[in-house]
């Protein structure tokens, strides 16, 4: 849970949320309304497509969901044996690959690789091989903001809601950056996400040694 995190761990979680928001903001625009990190949205999209007998739309949403699950499984397997920085390097490579694939106008393939990377990103801060919280979806964080605001008004911990608001704000900022980046330079803006994941991997290695 967020309130048990150290400030350093929260900072890494916020960095991952910025990365997830950036990639999802890019993906939402690039893919025309599909998500690469928010699978609840893709589930709704698949359901609506099925109701409208749009089998191709449902298949695309389903493919992104499957890729996300594969990424989470791969990240969990790696994180159980190595530190989270190794998962970040996997994410950086996947985002670089997506950047290249996007230049070939292979939209669905690009989205699948991005979804795989985002699934893996939820495992970077896993504990003992188990994902402690997600960094690519913020509905739960917003619920926690409301919950801890209620606690604060009732005489509980005054600032317990702040870490959750930080994570939500980080994803929002990232989504703005991803959408703006795509508008300015197109698919080349994905390279910034790849470099960002690599920078987080280096930072995690440095701090883990300390």
N, C-alpha and C. Protein backbone atom coordinates (compact mmCIF):
# COMPACT_ATOMS: atom_id res chain seq x y z
N UNK A 1 0.84 -1.19 0.00
CA UNK A 1 0.00 0.00 0.00
C UNK A 1 0.88 1.24 0.00
N UNK A 2 0.34 2.34 -0.55
CA UNK A 2 1.16 3.54 -0.70
C UNK A 2 1.59 4.12 0.63
N UNK A 3 0.71 4.07 1.65
CA UNK A 3 1.08 4.73 2.90
C UNK A 3 2.21 4.01 3.63
N UNK A 4 2.58 2.80 3.21
CA UNK A 4 3.68 2.09 3.84
C UNK A 4 4.99 2.31 3.10
N UNK A 5 4.96 3.06 2.02
CA UNK A 5 6.16 3.26 1.23
C UNK A 5 7.07 4.30 1.86
N UNK A 6 8.37 4.10 1.68
CA UNK A 6 9.31 5.14 2.04
C UNK A 6 9.20 6.25 1.00
N UNK A 7 9.77 7.40 1.32
CA UNK A 7 9.72 8.51 0.37
C UNK A 7 10.42 8.15 -0.94
N UNK A 8 11.53 7.39 -0.82
CA UNK A 8 12.26 7.00 -2.03
C UNK A 8 11.42 6.06 -2.89
N UNK A 9 10.76 5.11 -2.24
CA UNK A 9 9.93 4.16 -2.98
C UNK A 9 8.73 4.86 -3.62
N UNK A 10 8.16 5.81 -2.91
CA UNK A 10 7.06 6.60 -3.46
C UNK A 10 7.54 7.40 -4.67
N UNK A 11 8.76 7.93 -4.60
CA UNK A 11 9.31 8.69 -5.73
C UNK A 11 9.44 7.80 -6.96
N UNK A 12 9.90 6.55 -6.77
CA UNK A 12 9.99 5.63 -7.90
C UNK A 12 8.60 5.29 -8.43
N UNK A 13 7.64 5.11 -7.52
CA UNK A 13 6.27 4.81 -7.95
C UNK A 13 5.71 5.97 -8.77
N UNK A 14 5.99 7.19 -8.35
CA UNK A 14 5.53 8.37 -9.09
C UNK A 14 6.20 8.43 -10.47
N UNK A 15 7.50 8.09 -10.51
CA UNK A 15 8.18 8.07 -11.80
C UNK A 15 7.57 7.05 -12.74
N UNK A 16 7.22 5.88 -12.20
CA UNK A 16 6.58 4.85 -13.01
C UNK A 16 5.20 5.30 -13.47
N UNK A 17 4.48 6.04 -12.61
CA UNK A 17 3.17 6.54 -12.98
C UNK A 17 3.27 7.58 -14.10
N UNK A 18 4.29 8.42 -14.03
CA UNK A 18 4.52 9.38 -15.12
C UNK A 18 4.78 8.63 -16.43
N UNK A 19 5.62 7.60 -16.35
CA UNK A 19 5.93 6.80 -17.54
C UNK A 19 4.67 6.15 -18.09
N UNK A 20 3.87 5.55 -17.21
CA UNK A 20 2.63 4.89 -17.64
C UNK A 20 1.67 5.89 -18.25
N UNK A 21 1.54 7.06 -17.63
CA UNK A 21 0.65 8.08 -18.18
C UNK A 21 1.11 8.56 -19.54
N UNK A 22 2.43 8.73 -19.68
CA UNK A 22 2.99 9.18 -20.97
C UNK A 22 2.68 8.16 -22.07
N UNK A 23 2.96 6.89 -21.79
CA UNK A 23 2.74 5.85 -22.79
C UNK A 23 1.25 5.70 -23.09
N UNK A 24 0.41 5.78 -22.07
CA UNK A 24 -1.03 5.63 -22.29
C UNK A 24 -1.60 6.83 -23.03
N UNK A 25 -1.11 8.03 -22.71
CA UNK A 25 -1.56 9.21 -23.44
C UNK A 25 -1.19 9.13 -24.91
N UNK A 26 0.05 8.72 -25.17
CA UNK A 26 0.48 8.49 -26.55
C UNK A 26 -0.40 7.44 -27.22
N UNK A 27 -0.57 6.30 -26.52
CA UNK A 27 -1.31 5.19 -27.10
C UNK A 27 -2.75 5.53 -27.38
N UNK A 28 -3.40 6.27 -26.50
CA UNK A 28 -4.80 6.61 -26.68
C UNK A 28 -5.01 7.39 -27.97
N UNK A 29 -4.12 8.35 -28.23
CA UNK A 29 -4.22 9.14 -29.45
C UNK A 29 -3.81 8.32 -30.67
N UNK A 30 -2.68 7.63 -30.56
CA UNK A 30 -2.12 6.85 -31.67
C UNK A 30 -3.06 5.73 -32.09
N UNK A 31 -3.71 5.09 -31.12
CA UNK A 31 -4.56 3.93 -31.40
C UNK A 31 -6.03 4.31 -31.59
N UNK A 32 -6.34 5.58 -31.51
CA UNK A 32 -7.71 6.01 -31.76
C UNK A 32 -8.70 5.59 -30.69
N UNK A 33 -8.31 5.67 -29.43
CA UNK A 33 -9.24 5.42 -28.35
C UNK A 33 -9.05 4.13 -27.59
N UNK A 34 -8.02 3.37 -27.91
CA UNK A 34 -7.67 2.20 -27.12
C UNK A 34 -6.62 2.60 -26.08
N UNK A 35 -6.51 1.79 -25.04
CA UNK A 35 -5.55 2.04 -23.97
C UNK A 35 -4.44 0.99 -24.00
N UNK A 36 -3.27 1.37 -23.49
CA UNK A 36 -2.18 0.39 -23.39
C UNK A 36 -1.78 0.15 -21.93
N UNK A 37 -2.33 0.92 -21.00
CA UNK A 37 -2.04 0.66 -19.59
C UNK A 37 -3.31 0.54 -18.76
N UNK A 38 -4.43 1.02 -19.26
CA UNK A 38 -5.69 1.04 -18.52
C UNK A 38 -6.61 -0.05 -19.08
N UNK A 39 -6.50 -1.25 -18.51
CA UNK A 39 -7.22 -2.38 -19.09
C UNK A 39 -8.71 -2.39 -18.75
N UNK A 40 -9.12 -1.64 -17.74
CA UNK A 40 -10.56 -1.49 -17.49
C UNK A 40 -11.21 -0.79 -18.67
N UNK A 41 -10.52 0.21 -19.20
CA UNK A 41 -11.04 0.91 -20.37
C UNK A 41 -11.14 0.00 -21.58
N UNK A 42 -10.12 -0.85 -21.78
CA UNK A 42 -10.16 -1.77 -22.91
C UNK A 42 -11.23 -2.84 -22.72
N UNK A 43 -11.48 -3.23 -21.47
CA UNK A 43 -12.54 -4.20 -21.20
C UNK A 43 -13.90 -3.62 -21.58
N UNK A 44 -14.12 -2.36 -21.20
CA UNK A 44 -15.36 -1.69 -21.59
C UNK A 44 -15.45 -1.56 -23.10
N UNK A 45 -14.32 -1.20 -23.72
CA UNK A 45 -14.30 -1.07 -25.18
C UNK A 45 -14.63 -2.41 -25.85
N UNK A 46 -14.08 -3.51 -25.32
CA UNK A 46 -14.38 -4.83 -25.88
C UNK A 46 -15.85 -5.17 -25.71
N UNK A 47 -16.41 -4.86 -24.54
CA UNK A 47 -17.82 -5.15 -24.30
C UNK A 47 -18.74 -4.38 -25.22
N UNK A 48 -18.46 -3.10 -25.40
CA UNK A 48 -19.28 -2.28 -26.29
C UNK A 48 -19.15 -2.77 -27.73
N UNK A 49 -17.93 -3.13 -28.13
CA UNK A 49 -17.72 -3.64 -29.49
C UNK A 49 -18.50 -4.93 -29.72
N UNK A 50 -18.50 -5.80 -28.71
CA UNK A 50 -19.27 -7.04 -28.84
C UNK A 50 -20.76 -6.76 -28.95
N UNK A 51 -21.23 -5.78 -28.17
CA UNK A 51 -22.66 -5.43 -28.23
C UNK A 51 -23.03 -4.87 -29.60
N UNK A 52 -22.10 -4.21 -30.23
CA UNK A 52 -22.34 -3.62 -31.55
C UNK A 52 -21.95 -4.56 -32.69
N UNK A 53 -21.61 -5.81 -32.33
CA UNK A 53 -21.18 -6.83 -33.31
C UNK A 53 -19.96 -6.33 -34.09
N UNK A 54 -19.10 -5.61 -33.40
CA UNK A 54 -17.84 -5.14 -34.00
C UNK A 54 -16.75 -6.10 -33.51
N UNK A 55 -16.62 -7.22 -34.20
CA UNK A 55 -15.70 -8.25 -33.73
C UNK A 55 -14.24 -7.83 -33.85
N UNK A 56 -13.92 -7.05 -34.86
CA UNK A 56 -12.53 -6.61 -35.02
C UNK A 56 -12.13 -5.68 -33.89
N UNK A 57 -13.04 -4.77 -33.49
CA UNK A 57 -12.74 -3.86 -32.38
C UNK A 57 -12.58 -4.62 -31.08
N UNK A 58 -13.43 -5.62 -30.85
CA UNK A 58 -13.33 -6.42 -29.64
C UNK A 58 -12.03 -7.23 -29.64
N UNK A 59 -11.64 -7.72 -30.81
CA UNK A 59 -10.41 -8.51 -30.91
C UNK A 59 -9.19 -7.67 -30.59
N UNK A 60 -9.16 -6.43 -31.09
CA UNK A 60 -8.03 -5.54 -30.81
C UNK A 60 -7.93 -5.26 -29.31
N UNK A 61 -9.07 -4.93 -28.69
CA UNK A 61 -9.07 -4.67 -27.25
C UNK A 61 -8.62 -5.92 -26.49
N UNK A 62 -9.11 -7.09 -26.92
CA UNK A 62 -8.72 -8.33 -26.28
C UNK A 62 -7.24 -8.63 -26.43
N UNK A 63 -6.69 -8.30 -27.58
CA UNK A 63 -5.27 -8.53 -27.81
C UNK A 63 -4.43 -7.66 -26.88
N UNK A 64 -4.83 -6.42 -26.69
CA UNK A 64 -4.08 -5.53 -25.80
C UNK A 64 -4.17 -6.03 -24.35
N UNK A 65 -5.34 -6.52 -23.95
CA UNK A 65 -5.49 -7.07 -22.60
C UNK A 65 -4.59 -8.28 -22.42
N UNK A 66 -4.57 -9.16 -23.41
CA UNK A 66 -3.72 -10.36 -23.33
C UNK A 66 -2.25 -9.98 -23.24
N UNK A 67 -1.83 -8.99 -24.04
CA UNK A 67 -0.43 -8.56 -24.02
C UNK A 67 -0.07 -7.97 -22.66
N UNK A 68 -1.00 -7.23 -22.06
CA UNK A 68 -0.78 -6.65 -20.74
C UNK A 68 -0.55 -7.76 -19.71
N UNK A 69 -1.38 -8.80 -19.77
CA UNK A 69 -1.26 -9.92 -18.82
C UNK A 69 0.08 -10.63 -19.01
N UNK A 70 0.48 -10.84 -20.26
CA UNK A 70 1.76 -11.48 -20.54
C UNK A 70 2.90 -10.64 -19.97
N UNK A 71 2.81 -9.32 -20.14
CA UNK A 71 3.84 -8.44 -19.59
C UNK A 71 3.91 -8.52 -18.08
N UNK A 72 2.74 -8.56 -17.42
CA UNK A 72 2.71 -8.68 -15.96
C UNK A 72 3.31 -10.00 -15.51
N UNK A 73 3.01 -11.08 -16.25
CA UNK A 73 3.57 -12.38 -15.91
C UNK A 73 5.08 -12.40 -16.08
N UNK A 74 5.56 -11.84 -17.20
CA UNK A 74 7.00 -11.80 -17.44
C UNK A 74 7.71 -10.95 -16.40
N UNK A 75 7.14 -9.80 -16.09
CA UNK A 75 7.74 -8.93 -15.09
C UNK A 75 7.79 -9.58 -13.72
N UNK A 76 6.72 -10.28 -13.36
CA UNK A 76 6.68 -10.96 -12.06
C UNK A 76 7.75 -12.04 -11.99
N UNK A 77 7.89 -12.82 -13.07
CA UNK A 77 8.89 -13.88 -13.09
C UNK A 77 10.30 -13.32 -12.95
N UNK A 78 10.57 -12.19 -13.61
CA UNK A 78 11.89 -11.57 -13.54
C UNK A 78 12.12 -10.95 -12.16
N UNK A 79 11.11 -10.22 -11.65
CA UNK A 79 11.26 -9.54 -10.37
C UNK A 79 11.44 -10.51 -9.21
N UNK A 80 10.91 -11.73 -9.36
CA UNK A 80 11.04 -12.73 -8.29
C UNK A 80 12.47 -13.22 -8.16
N UNK A 81 13.27 -13.04 -9.22
CA UNK A 81 14.64 -13.54 -9.22
C UNK A 81 15.68 -12.42 -9.23
N UNK A 82 15.27 -11.26 -9.74
CA UNK A 82 16.20 -10.14 -9.84
C UNK A 82 15.52 -8.88 -9.32
N UNK A 83 16.27 -7.78 -9.24
CA UNK A 83 15.71 -6.53 -8.74
C UNK A 83 14.83 -5.88 -9.80
N UNK A 84 14.02 -4.92 -9.36
CA UNK A 84 13.09 -4.25 -10.26
C UNK A 84 13.76 -3.53 -11.41
N UNK A 85 15.03 -3.14 -11.23
CA UNK A 85 15.73 -2.46 -12.31
C UNK A 85 15.84 -3.31 -13.56
N UNK A 86 15.94 -4.64 -13.38
CA UNK A 86 16.01 -5.53 -14.53
C UNK A 86 14.72 -5.48 -15.33
N UNK A 87 13.58 -5.41 -14.62
CA UNK A 87 12.29 -5.28 -15.30
C UNK A 87 12.23 -3.96 -16.07
N UNK A 88 12.79 -2.91 -15.49
CA UNK A 88 12.80 -1.61 -16.16
C UNK A 88 13.60 -1.66 -17.45
N UNK A 89 14.70 -2.41 -17.46
CA UNK A 89 15.45 -2.55 -18.70
C UNK A 89 14.63 -3.29 -19.76
N UNK A 90 13.86 -4.30 -19.34
CA UNK A 90 12.95 -4.98 -20.26
C UNK A 90 11.94 -3.99 -20.84
N UNK A 91 11.41 -3.14 -19.97
CA UNK A 91 10.44 -2.14 -20.41
C UNK A 91 11.07 -1.16 -21.39
N UNK A 92 12.29 -0.71 -21.07
CA UNK A 92 12.98 0.23 -21.96
C UNK A 92 13.19 -0.37 -23.34
N UNK A 93 13.59 -1.65 -23.39
CA UNK A 93 13.80 -2.33 -24.68
C UNK A 93 12.48 -2.47 -25.43
N UNK A 94 11.41 -2.85 -24.70
CA UNK A 94 10.10 -3.00 -25.33
C UNK A 94 9.61 -1.67 -25.91
N UNK A 95 9.81 -0.60 -25.18
CA UNK A 95 9.38 0.72 -25.67
C UNK A 95 10.21 1.16 -26.87
N UNK A 96 11.49 0.82 -26.87
CA UNK A 96 12.33 1.13 -28.03
C UNK A 96 11.85 0.33 -29.24
N UNK A 97 11.51 -0.94 -29.02
CA UNK A 97 10.99 -1.78 -30.11
C UNK A 97 9.68 -1.21 -30.64
N UNK A 98 8.81 -0.75 -29.74
CA UNK A 98 7.55 -0.16 -30.17
C UNK A 98 7.79 1.10 -30.99
N UNK A 99 8.82 1.86 -30.61
CA UNK A 99 9.15 3.08 -31.37
C UNK A 99 9.51 2.74 -32.81
N UNK A 100 10.26 1.66 -32.99
CA UNK A 100 10.65 1.23 -34.33
C UNK A 100 9.45 0.70 -35.10
N UNK A 101 8.66 -0.16 -34.44
CA UNK A 101 7.50 -0.76 -35.10
C UNK A 101 6.50 0.31 -35.53
N UNK A 102 6.37 1.36 -34.71
CA UNK A 102 5.43 2.43 -35.02
C UNK A 102 5.79 3.14 -36.32
N UNK A 103 7.08 3.19 -36.64
CA UNK A 103 7.48 3.87 -37.89
C UNK A 103 7.05 3.07 -39.11
N UNK A 104 6.72 1.79 -38.94
CA UNK A 104 6.26 0.95 -40.04
C UNK A 104 4.74 0.96 -40.17
N UNK A 105 4.08 1.81 -39.36
CA UNK A 105 2.63 1.95 -39.39
C UNK A 105 1.90 0.66 -39.00
N UNK A 106 2.54 -0.17 -38.17
CA UNK A 106 1.91 -1.39 -37.66
C UNK A 106 1.24 -1.05 -36.33
N UNK A 107 0.06 -0.46 -36.42
CA UNK A 107 -0.59 0.12 -35.25
C UNK A 107 -0.90 -0.91 -34.16
N UNK A 108 -1.53 -2.00 -34.53
CA UNK A 108 -1.92 -3.00 -33.54
C UNK A 108 -0.69 -3.65 -32.90
N UNK A 109 0.33 -3.93 -33.72
CA UNK A 109 1.56 -4.52 -33.18
C UNK A 109 2.22 -3.56 -32.20
N UNK A 110 2.24 -2.28 -32.54
CA UNK A 110 2.81 -1.27 -31.64
C UNK A 110 2.05 -1.25 -30.32
N UNK A 111 0.72 -1.22 -30.41
CA UNK A 111 -0.09 -1.19 -29.21
C UNK A 111 0.11 -2.41 -28.34
N UNK A 112 0.29 -3.57 -28.96
CA UNK A 112 0.50 -4.81 -28.20
C UNK A 112 1.81 -4.76 -27.43
N UNK A 113 2.87 -4.28 -28.06
CA UNK A 113 4.16 -4.18 -27.38
C UNK A 113 4.09 -3.17 -26.24
N UNK A 114 3.38 -2.06 -26.48
CA UNK A 114 3.23 -1.06 -25.43
C UNK A 114 2.45 -1.62 -24.24
N UNK A 115 1.39 -2.38 -24.52
CA UNK A 115 0.60 -2.98 -23.45
C UNK A 115 1.44 -3.98 -22.66
N UNK A 116 2.26 -4.75 -23.35
CA UNK A 116 3.16 -5.69 -22.67
C UNK A 116 4.09 -4.95 -21.73
N UNK A 117 4.66 -3.84 -22.20
CA UNK A 117 5.58 -3.06 -21.37
C UNK A 117 4.86 -2.50 -20.15
N UNK A 118 3.63 -2.04 -20.34
CA UNK A 118 2.89 -1.46 -19.22
C UNK A 118 2.47 -2.53 -18.21
N UNK A 119 2.17 -3.73 -18.68
CA UNK A 119 1.88 -4.82 -17.76
C UNK A 119 3.08 -5.10 -16.88
N UNK A 120 4.26 -5.11 -17.48
CA UNK A 120 5.49 -5.37 -16.73
C UNK A 120 5.79 -4.25 -15.74
N UNK A 121 5.41 -3.02 -16.07
CA UNK A 121 5.75 -1.89 -15.20
C UNK A 121 5.10 -2.01 -13.83
N UNK A 122 3.98 -2.71 -13.74
CA UNK A 122 3.32 -2.88 -12.44
C UNK A 122 4.08 -3.80 -11.50
N UNK A 123 5.07 -4.50 -12.01
CA UNK A 123 5.82 -5.46 -11.19
C UNK A 123 7.17 -4.92 -10.73
N UNK A 124 7.54 -3.72 -11.16
CA UNK A 124 8.86 -3.18 -10.83
C UNK A 124 9.05 -3.05 -9.33
N UNK A 125 8.02 -2.64 -8.62
CA UNK A 125 8.12 -2.45 -7.17
C UNK A 125 7.45 -3.59 -6.41
N UNK A 126 7.40 -4.77 -7.03
CA UNK A 126 6.79 -5.92 -6.37
C UNK A 126 7.64 -6.35 -5.17
N UNK A 127 6.99 -6.99 -4.22
CA UNK A 127 7.66 -7.44 -3.01
C UNK A 127 7.53 -8.95 -2.89
N UNK A 128 8.67 -9.63 -2.85
CA UNK A 128 8.70 -11.08 -2.75
C UNK A 128 7.90 -11.75 -3.87
N UNK A 129 8.02 -11.16 -5.07
CA UNK A 129 7.36 -11.75 -6.23
C UNK A 129 5.89 -11.43 -6.35
N UNK A 130 5.37 -10.56 -5.45
CA UNK A 130 3.96 -10.22 -5.49
C UNK A 130 3.80 -8.72 -5.73
N UNK A 131 2.87 -8.38 -6.63
CA UNK A 131 2.62 -6.98 -6.94
C UNK A 131 1.89 -6.34 -5.78
N UNK A 132 2.47 -5.29 -5.19
CA UNK A 132 1.88 -4.66 -4.01
C UNK A 132 0.85 -3.59 -4.39
N UNK A 133 1.01 -2.95 -5.53
CA UNK A 133 0.04 -1.97 -6.02
C UNK A 133 0.34 -1.69 -7.48
N UNK A 134 -0.66 -1.20 -8.20
CA UNK A 134 -0.48 -0.91 -9.62
C UNK A 134 -0.09 0.52 -9.84
N UNK A 135 0.69 0.76 -10.87
CA UNK A 135 1.10 2.13 -11.19
C UNK A 135 0.55 2.57 -12.53
N UNK A 136 -0.24 1.72 -13.20
CA UNK A 136 -0.77 2.10 -14.51
C UNK A 136 -2.26 2.39 -14.47
N UNK A 137 -2.87 2.33 -13.29
CA UNK A 137 -4.29 2.67 -13.17
C UNK A 137 -4.49 3.34 -11.83
N UNK A 138 -5.33 4.38 -11.81
CA UNK A 138 -5.40 5.25 -10.65
C UNK A 138 -6.78 5.33 -10.01
N UNK A 139 -7.72 4.49 -10.43
CA UNK A 139 -9.03 4.50 -9.79
C UNK A 139 -8.91 4.19 -8.30
N UNK A 140 -8.12 3.16 -7.98
CA UNK A 140 -7.92 2.82 -6.59
C UNK A 140 -7.26 3.94 -5.80
N UNK A 141 -6.33 4.63 -6.44
CA UNK A 141 -5.66 5.75 -5.77
C UNK A 141 -6.65 6.86 -5.44
N UNK A 142 -7.56 7.13 -6.36
CA UNK A 142 -8.56 8.17 -6.11
C UNK A 142 -9.51 7.77 -4.99
N UNK A 143 -9.86 6.48 -4.94
CA UNK A 143 -10.68 5.99 -3.83
C UNK A 143 -9.95 6.23 -2.50
N UNK A 144 -8.62 5.97 -2.50
CA UNK A 144 -7.84 6.16 -1.30
C UNK A 144 -7.74 7.64 -0.92
N UNK A 145 -7.71 8.52 -1.92
CA UNK A 145 -7.72 9.96 -1.62
C UNK A 145 -8.97 10.30 -0.83
N UNK A 146 -10.13 9.84 -1.35
CA UNK A 146 -11.38 10.12 -0.65
C UNK A 146 -11.43 9.48 0.72
N UNK A 147 -10.97 8.25 0.83
CA UNK A 147 -10.98 7.53 2.10
C UNK A 147 -10.14 8.25 3.16
N UNK A 148 -8.92 8.65 2.76
CA UNK A 148 -8.04 9.29 3.73
C UNK A 148 -8.44 10.73 4.02
N UNK A 149 -9.13 11.39 3.08
CA UNK A 149 -9.70 12.69 3.40
C UNK A 149 -10.76 12.55 4.49
N UNK A 150 -11.57 11.50 4.37
CA UNK A 150 -12.59 11.24 5.40
C UNK A 150 -11.93 10.97 6.75
N UNK A 151 -10.85 10.18 6.74
CA UNK A 151 -10.12 9.91 7.98
C UNK A 151 -9.58 11.21 8.58
N UNK A 152 -9.02 12.06 7.71
CA UNK A 152 -8.44 13.31 8.18
C UNK A 152 -9.51 14.21 8.81
N UNK A 153 -10.67 14.29 8.16
CA UNK A 153 -11.75 15.12 8.70
C UNK A 153 -12.30 14.55 10.00
N UNK A 154 -12.13 13.24 10.17
CA UNK A 154 -12.61 12.60 11.40
C UNK A 154 -11.59 12.58 12.51
N UNK A 155 -10.48 13.28 12.31
CA UNK A 155 -9.46 13.36 13.35
C UNK A 155 -8.31 12.40 13.17
N UNK A 156 -8.26 11.70 12.05
CA UNK A 156 -7.18 10.76 11.78
C UNK A 156 -5.95 11.45 11.22
N UNK A 157 -5.10 10.68 10.55
CA UNK A 157 -3.87 11.22 9.97
C UNK A 157 -4.22 12.32 8.98
N UNK A 158 -3.64 13.50 9.17
CA UNK A 158 -4.05 14.67 8.39
C UNK A 158 -3.67 14.58 6.93
N UNK A 159 -2.47 14.05 6.65
CA UNK A 159 -1.97 14.09 5.28
C UNK A 159 -1.86 12.70 4.64
N UNK A 160 -2.60 11.75 5.13
CA UNK A 160 -2.51 10.39 4.59
C UNK A 160 -2.96 10.26 3.15
N UNK A 161 -3.73 11.23 2.66
CA UNK A 161 -4.23 11.19 1.29
C UNK A 161 -3.22 11.70 0.27
N UNK A 162 -2.19 12.39 0.73
CA UNK A 162 -1.25 13.05 -0.19
C UNK A 162 -0.50 12.07 -1.12
N UNK A 163 0.06 10.95 -0.60
CA UNK A 163 0.78 10.04 -1.51
C UNK A 163 -0.08 9.54 -2.66
N UNK A 164 -1.35 9.29 -2.40
CA UNK A 164 -2.25 8.80 -3.46
C UNK A 164 -2.52 9.89 -4.49
N UNK A 165 -2.64 11.13 -4.01
CA UNK A 165 -2.84 12.25 -4.92
C UNK A 165 -1.59 12.48 -5.77
N UNK A 166 -0.43 12.26 -5.17
CA UNK A 166 0.84 12.38 -5.90
C UNK A 166 0.88 11.40 -7.06
N UNK A 167 0.49 10.14 -6.81
CA UNK A 167 0.50 9.13 -7.87
C UNK A 167 -0.48 9.49 -8.99
N UNK A 168 -1.68 9.92 -8.61
CA UNK A 168 -2.67 10.31 -9.62
C UNK A 168 -2.17 11.49 -10.45
N UNK A 169 -1.61 12.49 -9.77
CA UNK A 169 -1.10 13.67 -10.47
C UNK A 169 0.05 13.31 -11.40
N UNK A 170 0.88 12.34 -10.98
CA UNK A 170 2.00 11.91 -11.80
C UNK A 170 1.50 11.28 -13.10
N UNK A 171 0.47 10.44 -13.00
CA UNK A 171 -0.06 9.83 -14.21
C UNK A 171 -0.71 10.88 -15.11
N UNK A 172 -1.42 11.83 -14.52
CA UNK A 172 -2.04 12.90 -15.30
C UNK A 172 -0.99 13.69 -16.07
N UNK A 173 0.09 14.06 -15.37
CA UNK A 173 1.16 14.82 -16.01
C UNK A 173 1.78 14.02 -17.15
N UNK A 174 1.99 12.73 -16.92
CA UNK A 174 2.55 11.89 -17.97
C UNK A 174 1.64 11.80 -19.17
N UNK A 175 0.33 11.67 -18.95
CA UNK A 175 -0.62 11.58 -20.06
C UNK A 175 -0.62 12.85 -20.90
N UNK A 176 -0.53 13.99 -20.23
CA UNK A 176 -0.42 15.26 -20.97
C UNK A 176 0.83 15.25 -21.84
N UNK A 177 1.95 14.83 -21.25
CA UNK A 177 3.20 14.79 -22.00
C UNK A 177 3.14 13.85 -23.19
N UNK A 178 2.53 12.66 -23.00
CA UNK A 178 2.43 11.70 -24.10
C UNK A 178 1.60 12.22 -25.25
N UNK A 179 0.47 12.85 -24.93
CA UNK A 179 -0.39 13.40 -25.98
C UNK A 179 0.28 14.56 -26.71
N UNK A 180 0.93 15.43 -25.94
CA UNK A 180 1.62 16.56 -26.56
C UNK A 180 2.80 16.08 -27.40
N UNK A 181 3.55 15.10 -26.88
CA UNK A 181 4.68 14.56 -27.62
C UNK A 181 4.26 13.98 -28.96
N UNK A 182 3.16 13.24 -28.96
CA UNK A 182 2.67 12.65 -30.21
C UNK A 182 2.23 13.75 -31.18
N UNK A 183 1.58 14.78 -30.65
CA UNK A 183 1.13 15.88 -31.52
C UNK A 183 2.31 16.61 -32.15
N UNK A 184 3.43 16.68 -31.43
CA UNK A 184 4.58 17.43 -31.93
C UNK A 184 5.47 16.64 -32.88
N UNK A 185 5.79 15.40 -32.50
CA UNK A 185 6.77 14.65 -33.30
C UNK A 185 6.28 13.25 -33.70
N UNK A 186 5.02 12.94 -33.43
CA UNK A 186 4.48 11.65 -33.83
C UNK A 186 5.06 10.49 -33.05
N UNK A 187 5.21 9.35 -33.71
CA UNK A 187 5.65 8.14 -33.03
C UNK A 187 7.06 8.24 -32.47
N UNK A 188 7.85 9.18 -32.96
CA UNK A 188 9.21 9.36 -32.44
C UNK A 188 9.20 9.75 -30.96
N UNK A 189 8.07 10.27 -30.48
CA UNK A 189 7.99 10.66 -29.07
C UNK A 189 8.08 9.47 -28.13
N UNK A 190 7.88 8.25 -28.66
CA UNK A 190 8.02 7.06 -27.82
C UNK A 190 9.44 6.85 -27.33
N UNK A 191 10.42 7.36 -28.06
CA UNK A 191 11.82 7.22 -27.63
C UNK A 191 12.03 7.87 -26.27
N UNK A 192 11.30 8.94 -25.99
CA UNK A 192 11.43 9.60 -24.69
C UNK A 192 11.01 8.65 -23.57
N UNK A 193 9.97 7.85 -23.83
CA UNK A 193 9.52 6.88 -22.83
C UNK A 193 10.57 5.80 -22.61
N UNK A 194 11.18 5.34 -23.68
CA UNK A 194 12.23 4.33 -23.57
C UNK A 194 13.41 4.85 -22.76
N UNK A 195 13.85 6.07 -23.07
CA UNK A 195 14.95 6.67 -22.32
C UNK A 195 14.56 6.90 -20.86
N UNK A 196 13.29 7.25 -20.63
CA UNK A 196 12.81 7.46 -19.27
C UNK A 196 12.86 6.18 -18.45
N UNK A 197 12.46 5.06 -19.06
CA UNK A 197 12.52 3.77 -18.37
C UNK A 197 13.97 3.39 -18.06
N UNK A 198 14.86 3.65 -19.00
CA UNK A 198 16.28 3.36 -18.79
C UNK A 198 16.84 4.22 -17.66
N UNK A 199 16.43 5.48 -17.61
CA UNK A 199 16.90 6.38 -16.55
C UNK A 199 16.42 5.90 -15.18
N UNK A 200 15.18 5.41 -15.12
CA UNK A 200 14.66 4.87 -13.86
C UNK A 200 15.42 3.62 -13.45
N UNK A 201 15.79 2.80 -14.45
CA UNK A 201 16.56 1.59 -14.15
C UNK A 201 17.92 1.94 -13.56
N UNK A 202 18.59 2.92 -14.14
CA UNK A 202 19.89 3.35 -13.63
C UNK A 202 19.75 3.91 -12.22
N UNK A 203 18.71 4.74 -12.00
CA UNK A 203 18.50 5.33 -10.68
C UNK A 203 18.22 4.25 -9.64
N UNK A 204 17.44 3.26 -10.02
CA UNK A 204 17.13 2.18 -9.08
C UNK A 204 18.39 1.41 -8.71
N UNK A 205 19.25 1.16 -9.68
CA UNK A 205 20.50 0.44 -9.40
C UNK A 205 21.39 1.25 -8.47
N UNK A 206 21.49 2.57 -8.72
CA UNK A 206 22.34 3.43 -7.89
C UNK A 206 21.84 3.45 -6.46
N UNK A 207 20.53 3.65 -6.28
CA UNK A 207 20.00 3.75 -4.93
C UNK A 207 20.01 2.41 -4.21
N UNK A 208 19.84 1.31 -4.95
CA UNK A 208 19.88 -0.01 -4.30
C UNK A 208 21.28 -0.30 -3.76
N UNK A 209 22.31 0.20 -4.43
CA UNK A 209 23.68 -0.01 -3.95
C UNK A 209 23.96 0.80 -2.71
N UNK A 210 23.27 1.93 -2.58
CA UNK A 210 23.47 2.75 -1.40
C UNK A 210 22.74 2.18 -0.19
